[in-house]
mmCIF file of all heavy atoms, coordinates in Angstrom:
data_MODEL
# 
_entry.id   MODEL 
# 
loop_
_atom_site.group_PDB 
_atom_site.id 
_atom_site.type_symbol 
_atom_site.label_atom_id 
_atom_site.label_alt_id 
_atom_site.label_comp_id 
_atom_site.label_asym_id 
_atom_site.label_entity_id 
_atom_site.label_seq_id 
_atom_site.pdbx_PDB_ins_code 
_atom_site.Cartn_x 
_atom_site.Cartn_y 
_atom_site.Cartn_z 
_atom_site.occupancy 
_atom_site.B_iso_or_equiv 
_atom_site.pdbx_formal_charge 
_atom_site.auth_seq_id 
_atom_site.auth_comp_id 
_atom_site.auth_asym_id 
_atom_site.auth_atom_id 
_atom_site.pdbx_PDB_model_num 
ATOM 1   N N   . ILE A 1 1  ? 87.693 79.545  136.534 1.00 0.00 ? 1  ILE A N   1 
ATOM 2   C CA  . ILE A 1 1  ? 88.296 78.384  137.200 1.00 0.00 ? 1  ILE A CA  1 
ATOM 3   C C   . ILE A 1 1  ? 88.253 77.166  136.280 1.00 0.00 ? 1  ILE A C   1 
ATOM 4   O O   . ILE A 1 1  ? 89.241 76.438  136.151 1.00 0.00 ? 1  ILE A O   1 
ATOM 5   C CB  . ILE A 1 1  ? 87.594 78.112  138.544 1.00 0.00 ? 1  ILE A CB  1 
ATOM 6   C CG1 . ILE A 1 1  ? 87.933 79.240  139.535 1.00 0.00 ? 1  ILE A CG1 1 
ATOM 7   C CG2 . ILE A 1 1  ? 87.984 76.745  139.108 1.00 0.00 ? 1  ILE A CG2 1 
ATOM 8   C CD1 . ILE A 1 1  ? 87.040 79.300  140.759 1.00 0.00 ? 1  ILE A CD1 1 
ATOM 9   N N   . GLU A 1 2  ? 87.141 76.958  135.604 1.00 0.00 ? 2  GLU A N   1 
ATOM 10  C CA  . GLU A 1 2  ? 87.025 75.830  134.666 1.00 0.00 ? 2  GLU A CA  1 
ATOM 11  C C   . GLU A 1 2  ? 88.042 75.960  133.534 1.00 0.00 ? 2  GLU A C   1 
ATOM 12  O O   . GLU A 1 2  ? 88.610 74.960  133.086 1.00 0.00 ? 2  GLU A O   1 
ATOM 13  C CB  . GLU A 1 2  ? 85.601 75.713  134.121 1.00 0.00 ? 2  GLU A CB  1 
ATOM 14  C CG  . GLU A 1 2  ? 84.608 75.215  135.145 1.00 0.00 ? 2  GLU A CG  1 
ATOM 15  C CD  . GLU A 1 2  ? 85.018 73.880  135.766 1.00 0.00 ? 2  GLU A CD  1 
ATOM 16  O OE1 . GLU A 1 2  ? 85.420 72.964  135.032 1.00 0.00 ? 2  GLU A OE1 1 
ATOM 17  O OE2 . GLU A 1 2  ? 84.943 73.766  137.005 1.00 0.00 ? 2  GLU A OE2 1 
ATOM 18  N N   . TRP A 1 3  ? 88.266 77.187  133.068 1.00 0.00 ? 3  TRP A N   1 
ATOM 19  C CA  . TRP A 1 3  ? 89.253 77.413  132.005 1.00 0.00 ? 3  TRP A CA  1 
ATOM 20  C C   . TRP A 1 3  ? 90.641 77.000  132.486 1.00 0.00 ? 3  TRP A C   1 
ATOM 21  O O   . TRP A 1 3  ? 91.362 76.304  131.772 1.00 0.00 ? 3  TRP A O   1 
ATOM 22  C CB  . TRP A 1 3  ? 89.225 78.888  131.579 1.00 0.00 ? 3  TRP A CB  1 
ATOM 23  C CG  . TRP A 1 3  ? 90.114 79.202  130.431 1.00 0.00 ? 3  TRP A CG  1 
ATOM 24  C CD1 . TRP A 1 3  ? 89.832 79.030  129.093 1.00 0.00 ? 3  TRP A CD1 1 
ATOM 25  C CD2 . TRP A 1 3  ? 91.438 79.745  130.476 1.00 0.00 ? 3  TRP A CD2 1 
ATOM 26  N NE1 . TRP A 1 3  ? 90.908 79.434  128.323 1.00 0.00 ? 3  TRP A NE1 1 
ATOM 27  C CE2 . TRP A 1 3  ? 91.899 79.880  129.152 1.00 0.00 ? 3  TRP A CE2 1 
ATOM 28  C CE3 . TRP A 1 3  ? 92.276 80.129  131.519 1.00 0.00 ? 3  TRP A CE3 1 
ATOM 29  C CZ2 . TRP A 1 3  ? 93.164 80.370  128.839 1.00 0.00 ? 3  TRP A CZ2 1 
ATOM 30  C CZ3 . TRP A 1 3  ? 93.536 80.633  131.205 1.00 0.00 ? 3  TRP A CZ3 1 
ATOM 31  C CH2 . TRP A 1 3  ? 93.961 80.746  129.882 1.00 0.00 ? 3  TRP A CH2 1 
ATOM 32  N N   . TYR A 1 4  ? 91.006 77.420  133.688 1.00 0.00 ? 4  TYR A N   1 
ATOM 33  C CA  . TYR A 1 4  ? 92.319 77.036  134.228 1.00 0.00 ? 4  TYR A CA  1 
ATOM 34  C C   . TYR A 1 4  ? 92.413 75.521  134.425 1.00 0.00 ? 4  TYR A C   1 
ATOM 35  O O   . TYR A 1 4  ? 93.452 74.918  134.145 1.00 0.00 ? 4  TYR A O   1 
ATOM 36  C CB  . TYR A 1 4  ? 92.612 77.765  135.540 1.00 0.00 ? 4  TYR A CB  1 
ATOM 37  C CG  . TYR A 1 4  ? 93.065 79.188  135.340 1.00 0.00 ? 4  TYR A CG  1 
ATOM 38  C CD1 . TYR A 1 4  ? 92.332 80.251  135.850 1.00 0.00 ? 4  TYR A CD1 1 
ATOM 39  C CD2 . TYR A 1 4  ? 94.243 79.479  134.646 1.00 0.00 ? 4  TYR A CD2 1 
ATOM 40  C CE1 . TYR A 1 4  ? 92.747 81.564  135.666 1.00 0.00 ? 4  TYR A CE1 1 
ATOM 41  C CE2 . TYR A 1 4  ? 94.664 80.787  134.454 1.00 0.00 ? 4  TYR A CE2 1 
ATOM 42  C CZ  . TYR A 1 4  ? 93.917 81.821  134.961 1.00 0.00 ? 4  TYR A CZ  1 
ATOM 43  O OH  . TYR A 1 4  ? 94.331 83.116  134.771 1.00 0.00 ? 4  TYR A OH  1 
ATOM 44  N N   . LYS A 1 5  ? 91.346 74.897  134.870 1.00 0.00 ? 5  LYS A N   1 
ATOM 45  C CA  . LYS A 1 5  ? 91.355 73.441  135.055 1.00 0.00 ? 5  LYS A CA  1 
ATOM 46  C C   . LYS A 1 5  ? 91.573 72.731  133.719 1.00 0.00 ? 5  LYS A C   1 
ATOM 47  O O   . LYS A 1 5  ? 92.286 71.722  133.659 1.00 0.00 ? 5  LYS A O   1 
ATOM 48  C CB  . LYS A 1 5  ? 90.067 72.965  135.728 1.00 0.00 ? 5  LYS A CB  1 
ATOM 49  C CG  . LYS A 1 5  ? 90.028 73.303  137.211 1.00 0.00 ? 5  LYS A CG  1 
ATOM 50  C CD  . LYS A 1 5  ? 88.743 72.803  137.859 1.00 0.00 ? 5  LYS A CD  1 
ATOM 51  C CE  . LYS A 1 5  ? 88.761 73.034  139.354 1.00 0.00 ? 5  LYS A CE  1 
ATOM 52  N NZ  . LYS A 1 5  ? 87.511 72.564  139.995 1.00 0.00 ? 5  LYS A NZ  1 
ATOM 53  N N   . ARG A 1 6  ? 90.981 73.251  132.659 1.00 0.00 ? 6  ARG A N   1 
ATOM 54  C CA  . ARG A 1 6  ? 91.190 72.655  131.329 1.00 0.00 ? 6  ARG A CA  1 
ATOM 55  C C   . ARG A 1 6  ? 92.651 72.769  130.889 1.00 0.00 ? 6  ARG A C   1 
ATOM 56  O O   . ARG A 1 6  ? 93.094 72.039  130.005 1.00 0.00 ? 6  ARG A O   1 
ATOM 57  C CB  . ARG A 1 6  ? 90.278 73.310  130.291 1.00 0.00 ? 6  ARG A CB  1 
ATOM 58  C CG  . ARG A 1 6  ? 88.826 72.893  130.406 1.00 0.00 ? 6  ARG A CG  1 
ATOM 59  C CD  . ARG A 1 6  ? 88.003 73.273  129.192 1.00 0.00 ? 6  ARG A CD  1 
ATOM 60  N NE  . ARG A 1 6  ? 88.029 74.681  128.858 1.00 0.00 ? 6  ARG A NE  1 
ATOM 61  C CZ  . ARG A 1 6  ? 87.223 75.610  129.375 1.00 0.00 ? 6  ARG A CZ  1 
ATOM 62  N NH1 . ARG A 1 6  ? 86.314 75.264  130.280 1.00 0.00 ? 6  ARG A NH1 1 
ATOM 63  N NH2 . ARG A 1 6  ? 87.301 76.859  128.986 1.00 0.00 ? 6  ARG A NH2 1 
ATOM 64  N N   . HIS A 1 7  ? 93.383 73.686  131.518 1.00 0.00 ? 7  HIS A N   1 
ATOM 65  C CA  . HIS A 1 7  ? 94.797 73.870  131.185 1.00 0.00 ? 7  HIS A CA  1 
ATOM 66  C C   . HIS A 1 7  ? 95.722 73.239  132.225 1.00 0.00 ? 7  HIS A C   1 
ATOM 67  O O   . HIS A 1 7  ? 96.904 73.590  132.311 1.00 0.00 ? 7  HIS A O   1 
ATOM 68  C CB  . HIS A 1 7  ? 95.099 75.363  130.991 1.00 0.00 ? 7  HIS A CB  1 
ATOM 69  C CG  . HIS A 1 7  ? 94.450 75.900  129.759 1.00 0.00 ? 7  HIS A CG  1 
ATOM 70  N ND1 . HIS A 1 7  ? 93.166 76.417  129.753 1.00 0.00 ? 7  HIS A ND1 1 
ATOM 71  C CD2 . HIS A 1 7  ? 94.864 75.948  128.476 1.00 0.00 ? 7  HIS A CD2 1 
ATOM 72  C CE1 . HIS A 1 7  ? 92.850 76.771  128.526 1.00 0.00 ? 7  HIS A CE1 1 
ATOM 73  N NE2 . HIS A 1 7  ? 93.854 76.494  127.736 1.00 0.00 ? 7  HIS A NE2 1 
ATOM 74  N N   . GLY A 1 8  ? 95.177 72.323  133.013 1.00 0.00 ? 8  GLY A N   1 
ATOM 75  C CA  . GLY A 1 8  ? 96.008 71.516  133.895 1.00 0.00 ? 8  GLY A CA  1 
ATOM 76  C C   . GLY A 1 8  ? 96.119 71.982  135.338 1.00 0.00 ? 8  GLY A C   1 
ATOM 77  O O   . GLY A 1 8  ? 96.832 71.361  136.126 1.00 0.00 ? 8  GLY A O   1 
ATOM 78  N N   . TYR A 1 9  ? 95.422 73.038  135.699 1.00 0.00 ? 9  TYR A N   1 
ATOM 79  C CA  . TYR A 1 9  ? 95.474 73.522  137.081 1.00 0.00 ? 9  TYR A CA  1 
ATOM 80  C C   . TYR A 1 9  ? 94.442 72.787  137.922 1.00 0.00 ? 9  TYR A C   1 
ATOM 81  O O   . TYR A 1 9  ? 93.368 72.436  137.425 1.00 0.00 ? 9  TYR A O   1 
ATOM 82  C CB  . TYR A 1 9  ? 95.234 75.039  137.133 1.00 0.00 ? 9  TYR A CB  1 
ATOM 83  C CG  . TYR A 1 9  ? 96.424 75.790  136.578 1.00 0.00 ? 9  TYR A CG  1 
ATOM 84  C CD1 . TYR A 1 9  ? 96.587 75.968  135.207 1.00 0.00 ? 9  TYR A CD1 1 
ATOM 85  C CD2 . TYR A 1 9  ? 97.412 76.270  137.421 1.00 0.00 ? 9  TYR A CD2 1 
ATOM 86  C CE1 . TYR A 1 9  ? 97.701 76.610  134.690 1.00 0.00 ? 9  TYR A CE1 1 
ATOM 87  C CE2 . TYR A 1 9  ? 98.529 76.922  136.912 1.00 0.00 ? 9  TYR A CE2 1 
ATOM 88  C CZ  . TYR A 1 9  ? 98.664 77.086  135.552 1.00 0.00 ? 9  TYR A CZ  1 
ATOM 89  O OH  . TYR A 1 9  ? 99.778 77.715  135.051 1.00 0.00 ? 9  TYR A OH  1 
ATOM 90  N N   . VAL A 1 10 ? 94.784 72.538  139.187 1.00 0.00 ? 10 VAL A N   1 
ATOM 91  C CA  . VAL A 1 10 ? 93.870 71.833  140.091 1.00 0.00 ? 10 VAL A CA  1 
ATOM 92  C C   . VAL A 1 10 ? 93.631 72.671  141.338 1.00 0.00 ? 10 VAL A C   1 
ATOM 93  O O   . VAL A 1 10 ? 94.505 73.427  141.778 1.00 0.00 ? 10 VAL A O   1 
ATOM 94  C CB  . VAL A 1 10 ? 94.402 70.429  140.472 1.00 0.00 ? 10 VAL A CB  1 
ATOM 95  C CG1 . VAL A 1 10 ? 94.483 69.520  139.251 1.00 0.00 ? 10 VAL A CG1 1 
ATOM 96  C CG2 . VAL A 1 10 ? 95.738 70.513  141.162 1.00 0.00 ? 10 VAL A CG2 1 
ATOM 97  N N   . ASP A 1 11 ? 92.459 72.506  141.897 1.00 0.00 ? 11 ASP A N   1 
ATOM 98  C CA  . ASP A 1 11 ? 92.094 73.167  143.148 1.00 0.00 ? 11 ASP A CA  1 
ATOM 99  C C   . ASP A 1 11 ? 92.844 72.476  144.277 1.00 0.00 ? 11 ASP A C   1 
ATOM 100 O O   . ASP A 1 11 ? 92.706 71.272  144.474 1.00 0.00 ? 11 ASP A O   1 
ATOM 101 C CB  . ASP A 1 11 ? 90.578 73.057  143.340 1.00 0.00 ? 11 ASP A CB  1 
ATOM 102 C CG  . ASP A 1 11 ? 90.073 73.719  144.617 1.00 0.00 ? 11 ASP A CG  1 
ATOM 103 O OD1 . ASP A 1 11 ? 90.886 74.239  145.413 1.00 0.00 ? 11 ASP A OD1 1 
ATOM 104 O OD2 . ASP A 1 11 ? 88.851 73.700  144.811 1.00 0.00 ? 11 ASP A OD2 1 
ATOM 105 N N   . THR A 1 12 ? 93.640 73.229  145.025 1.00 0.00 ? 12 THR A N   1 
ATOM 106 C CA  . THR A 1 12 ? 94.414 72.664  146.137 1.00 0.00 ? 12 THR A CA  1 
ATOM 107 C C   . THR A 1 12 ? 93.560 72.471  147.381 1.00 0.00 ? 12 THR A C   1 
ATOM 108 O O   . THR A 1 12 ? 94.009 71.840  148.343 1.00 0.00 ? 12 THR A O   1 
ATOM 109 C CB  . THR A 1 12 ? 95.582 73.591  146.507 1.00 0.00 ? 12 THR A CB  1 
ATOM 110 O OG1 . THR A 1 12 ? 95.047 74.840  146.973 1.00 0.00 ? 12 THR A OG1 1 
ATOM 111 C CG2 . THR A 1 12 ? 96.511 73.810  145.327 1.00 0.00 ? 12 THR A CG2 1 
ATOM 112 N N   . GLY A 1 13 ? 92.345 73.035  147.397 1.00 0.00 ? 13 GLY A N   1 
ATOM 113 C CA  . GLY A 1 13 ? 91.509 72.996  148.579 1.00 0.00 ? 13 GLY A CA  1 
ATOM 114 C C   . GLY A 1 13 ? 91.776 74.160  149.523 1.00 0.00 ? 13 GLY A C   1 
ATOM 115 O O   . GLY A 1 13 ? 91.026 74.398  150.465 1.00 0.00 ? 13 GLY A O   1 
ATOM 116 N N   . VAL A 1 14 ? 92.837 74.906  149.268 1.00 0.00 ? 14 VAL A N   1 
ATOM 117 C CA  . VAL A 1 14 ? 93.200 76.048  150.111 1.00 0.00 ? 14 VAL A CA  1 
ATOM 118 C C   . VAL A 1 14 ? 92.377 77.262  149.696 1.00 0.00 ? 14 VAL A C   1 
ATOM 119 O O   . VAL A 1 14 ? 92.189 77.528  148.504 1.00 0.00 ? 14 VAL A O   1 
ATOM 120 C CB  . VAL A 1 14 ? 94.709 76.364  149.997 1.00 0.00 ? 14 VAL A CB  1 
ATOM 121 C CG1 . VAL A 1 14 ? 95.072 77.617  150.787 1.00 0.00 ? 14 VAL A CG1 1 
ATOM 122 C CG2 . VAL A 1 14 ? 95.540 75.173  150.439 1.00 0.00 ? 14 VAL A CG2 1 
ATOM 123 N N   . ARG A 1 15 ? 91.872 77.986  150.685 1.00 0.00 ? 15 ARG A N   1 
ATOM 124 C CA  . ARG A 1 15 ? 91.145 79.233  150.449 1.00 0.00 ? 15 ARG A CA  1 
ATOM 125 C C   . ARG A 1 15 ? 91.853 80.352  151.200 1.00 0.00 ? 15 ARG A C   1 
ATOM 126 O O   . ARG A 1 15 ? 92.363 80.142  152.302 1.00 0.00 ? 15 ARG A O   1 
ATOM 127 C CB  . ARG A 1 15 ? 89.691 79.134  150.919 1.00 0.00 ? 15 ARG A CB  1 
ATOM 128 C CG  . ARG A 1 15 ? 88.882 78.052  150.224 1.00 0.00 ? 15 ARG A CG  1 
ATOM 129 C CD  . ARG A 1 15 ? 88.727 78.329  148.730 1.00 0.00 ? 15 ARG A CD  1 
ATOM 130 N NE  . ARG A 1 15 ? 87.962 77.327  148.029 1.00 0.00 ? 15 ARG A NE  1 
ATOM 131 C CZ  . ARG A 1 15 ? 88.489 76.285  147.381 1.00 0.00 ? 15 ARG A CZ  1 
ATOM 132 N NH1 . ARG A 1 15 ? 89.803 76.105  147.374 1.00 0.00 ? 15 ARG A NH1 1 
ATOM 133 N NH2 . ARG A 1 15 ? 87.730 75.441  146.737 1.00 0.00 ? 15 ARG A NH2 1 
ATOM 134 N N   . GLU A 1 16 ? 91.894 81.526  150.595 1.00 0.00 ? 16 GLU A N   1 
ATOM 135 C CA  . GLU A 1 16 ? 92.511 82.690  151.211 1.00 0.00 ? 16 GLU A CA  1 
ATOM 136 C C   . GLU A 1 16 ? 91.502 83.827  151.217 1.00 0.00 ? 16 GLU A C   1 
ATOM 137 O O   . GLU A 1 16 ? 90.667 83.929  150.315 1.00 0.00 ? 16 GLU A O   1 
ATOM 138 C CB  . GLU A 1 16 ? 93.761 83.111  150.426 1.00 0.00 ? 16 GLU A CB  1 
ATOM 139 C CG  . GLU A 1 16 ? 94.862 82.074  150.457 1.00 0.00 ? 16 GLU A CG  1 
ATOM 140 C CD  . GLU A 1 16 ? 96.088 82.483  149.640 1.00 0.00 ? 16 GLU A CD  1 
ATOM 141 O OE1 . GLU A 1 16 ? 96.052 83.509  148.933 1.00 0.00 ? 16 GLU A OE1 1 
ATOM 142 O OE2 . GLU A 1 16 ? 97.091 81.747  149.710 1.00 0.00 ? 16 GLU A OE2 1 
ATOM 143 N N   . PRO A 1 17 ? 91.581 84.702  152.208 1.00 0.00 ? 17 PRO A N   1 
ATOM 144 C CA  . PRO A 1 17 ? 90.635 85.821  152.262 1.00 0.00 ? 17 PRO A CA  1 
ATOM 145 C C   . PRO A 1 17 ? 90.834 86.777  151.093 1.00 0.00 ? 17 PRO A C   1 
ATOM 146 O O   . PRO A 1 17 ? 91.961 86.953  150.612 1.00 0.00 ? 17 PRO A O   1 
ATOM 147 C CB  . PRO A 1 17 ? 90.947 86.501  153.596 1.00 0.00 ? 17 PRO A CB  1 
ATOM 148 C CG  . PRO A 1 17 ? 92.295 86.032  153.985 1.00 0.00 ? 17 PRO A CG  1 
ATOM 149 C CD  . PRO A 1 17 ? 92.531 84.715  153.317 1.00 0.00 ? 17 PRO A CD  1 
ATOM 150 N N   . PHE A 1 18 ? 89.752 87.358  150.643 1.00 0.00 ? 18 PHE A N   1 
ATOM 151 C CA  . PHE A 1 18 ? 89.826 88.398  149.613 1.00 0.00 ? 18 PHE A CA  1 
ATOM 152 C C   . PHE A 1 18 ? 90.008 89.722  150.332 1.00 0.00 ? 18 PHE A C   1 
ATOM 153 O O   . PHE A 1 18 ? 89.160 90.138  151.114 1.00 0.00 ? 18 PHE A O   1 
ATOM 154 C CB  . PHE A 1 18 ? 88.552 88.431  148.760 1.00 0.00 ? 18 PHE A CB  1 
ATOM 155 C CG  . PHE A 1 18 ? 88.602 89.472  147.686 1.00 0.00 ? 18 PHE A CG  1 
ATOM 156 C CD1 . PHE A 1 18 ? 89.196 89.191  146.472 1.00 0.00 ? 18 PHE A CD1 1 
ATOM 157 C CD2 . PHE A 1 18 ? 88.090 90.741  147.896 1.00 0.00 ? 18 PHE A CD2 1 
ATOM 158 C CE1 . PHE A 1 18 ? 89.255 90.148  145.480 1.00 0.00 ? 18 PHE A CE1 1 
ATOM 159 C CE2 . PHE A 1 18 ? 88.157 91.712  146.919 1.00 0.00 ? 18 PHE A CE2 1 
ATOM 160 C CZ  . PHE A 1 18 ? 88.758 91.409  145.695 1.00 0.00 ? 18 PHE A CZ  1 
ATOM 161 N N   . LEU A 1 19 ? 91.130 90.357  150.093 1.00 0.00 ? 19 LEU A N   1 
ATOM 162 C CA  . LEU A 1 19 ? 91.430 91.638  150.726 1.00 0.00 ? 19 LEU A CA  1 
ATOM 163 C C   . LEU A 1 19 ? 91.283 92.745  149.697 1.00 0.00 ? 19 LEU A C   1 
ATOM 164 O O   . LEU A 1 19 ? 91.813 92.649  148.591 1.00 0.00 ? 19 LEU A O   1 
ATOM 165 C CB  . LEU A 1 19 ? 92.854 91.628  151.300 1.00 0.00 ? 19 LEU A CB  1 
ATOM 166 C CG  . LEU A 1 19 ? 93.140 90.509  152.312 1.00 0.00 ? 19 LEU A CG  1 
ATOM 167 C CD1 . LEU A 1 19 ? 94.607 90.488  152.702 1.00 0.00 ? 19 LEU A CD1 1 
ATOM 168 C CD2 . LEU A 1 19 ? 92.242 90.646  153.526 1.00 0.00 ? 19 LEU A CD2 1 
ATOM 169 N N   . LEU A 1 20 ? 90.585 93.781  150.061 1.00 0.00 ? 20 LEU A N   1 
ATOM 170 C CA  . LEU A 1 20 ? 90.354 94.908  149.155 1.00 0.00 ? 20 LEU A CA  1 
ATOM 171 C C   . LEU A 1 20 ? 91.585 95.800  149.048 1.00 0.00 ? 20 LEU A C   1 
ATOM 172 O O   . LEU A 1 20 ? 92.253 96.066  150.051 1.00 0.00 ? 20 LEU A O   1 
ATOM 173 C CB  . LEU A 1 20 ? 89.194 95.770  149.659 1.00 0.00 ? 20 LEU A CB  1 
ATOM 174 C CG  . LEU A 1 20 ? 87.796 95.225  149.472 1.00 0.00 ? 20 LEU A CG  1 
ATOM 175 C CD1 . LEU A 1 20 ? 86.786 96.143  150.134 1.00 0.00 ? 20 LEU A CD1 1 
ATOM 176 C CD2 . LEU A 1 20 ? 87.464 95.056  148.011 1.00 0.00 ? 20 LEU A CD2 1 
ATOM 177 N N   . ASN A 1 21 ? 91.852 96.259  147.842 1.00 0.00 ? 21 ASN A N   1 
ATOM 178 C CA  . ASN A 1 21 ? 92.833 97.328  147.641 1.00 0.00 ? 21 ASN A CA  1 
ATOM 179 C C   . ASN A 1 21 ? 92.148 98.643  147.994 1.00 0.00 ? 21 ASN A C   1 
ATOM 180 O O   . ASN A 1 21 ? 90.926 98.712  148.094 1.00 0.00 ? 21 ASN A O   1 
ATOM 181 C CB  . ASN A 1 21 ? 93.297 97.376  146.176 1.00 0.00 ? 21 ASN A CB  1 
ATOM 182 C CG  . ASN A 1 21 ? 94.101 96.152  145.796 1.00 0.00 ? 21 ASN A CG  1 
ATOM 183 O OD1 . ASN A 1 21 ? 94.816 95.597  146.614 1.00 0.00 ? 21 ASN A OD1 1 
ATOM 184 N ND2 . ASN A 1 21 ? 93.962 95.727  144.557 1.00 0.00 ? 21 ASN A ND2 1 
ATOM 185 N N   . ASP A 1 22 ? 92.936 99.699  148.109 1.00 0.00 ? 22 ASP A N   1 
ATOM 186 C CA  . ASP A 1 22 ? 92.375 101.014 148.434 1.00 0.00 ? 22 ASP A CA  1 
ATOM 187 C C   . ASP A 1 22 ? 91.350 101.467 147.402 1.00 0.00 ? 22 ASP A C   1 
ATOM 188 O O   . ASP A 1 22 ? 90.391 102.153 147.731 1.00 0.00 ? 22 ASP A O   1 
ATOM 189 C CB  . ASP A 1 22 ? 93.486 102.065 148.539 1.00 0.00 ? 22 ASP A CB  1 
ATOM 190 C CG  . ASP A 1 22 ? 94.374 101.827 149.752 1.00 0.00 ? 22 ASP A CG  1 
ATOM 191 O OD1 . ASP A 1 22 ? 93.933 101.120 150.679 1.00 0.00 ? 22 ASP A OD1 1 
ATOM 192 O OD2 . ASP A 1 22 ? 95.492 102.347 149.765 1.00 0.00 ? 22 ASP A OD2 1 
ATOM 193 N N   . SER A 1 23 ? 91.558 101.091 146.136 1.00 0.00 ? 23 SER A N   1 
ATOM 194 C CA  . SER A 1 23 ? 90.676 101.583 145.076 1.00 0.00 ? 23 SER A CA  1 
ATOM 195 C C   . SER A 1 23 ? 89.521 100.630 144.759 1.00 0.00 ? 23 SER A C   1 
ATOM 196 O O   . SER A 1 23 ? 88.707 100.913 143.906 1.00 0.00 ? 23 SER A O   1 
ATOM 197 C CB  . SER A 1 23 ? 91.492 101.835 143.806 1.00 0.00 ? 23 SER A CB  1 
ATOM 198 O OG  . SER A 1 23 ? 92.046 100.618 143.326 1.00 0.00 ? 23 SER A OG  1 
ATOM 199 N N   . ASP A 1 24 ? 89.455 99.480  145.448 1.00 0.00 ? 24 ASP A N   1 
ATOM 200 C CA  . ASP A 1 24 ? 88.408 98.487  145.184 1.00 0.00 ? 24 ASP A CA  1 
ATOM 201 C C   . ASP A 1 24 ? 87.142 98.774  145.969 1.00 0.00 ? 24 ASP A C   1 
ATOM 202 O O   . ASP A 1 24 ? 87.192 99.260  147.096 1.00 0.00 ? 24 ASP A O   1 
ATOM 203 C CB  . ASP A 1 24 ? 88.862 97.086  145.620 1.00 0.00 ? 24 ASP A CB  1 
ATOM 204 C CG  . ASP A 1 24 ? 89.813 96.437  144.653 1.00 0.00 ? 24 ASP A CG  1 
ATOM 205 O OD1 . ASP A 1 24 ? 89.836 96.827  143.477 1.00 0.00 ? 24 ASP A OD1 1 
ATOM 206 O OD2 . ASP A 1 24 ? 90.547 95.527  145.080 1.00 0.00 ? 24 ASP A OD2 1 
# 
């Protein structure tokens, strides 16, 4: 996340559930 922030990305404050794939 810090790497992406250094490249101009910002945290929108939105969170989404982590859904497992069949193989995860």
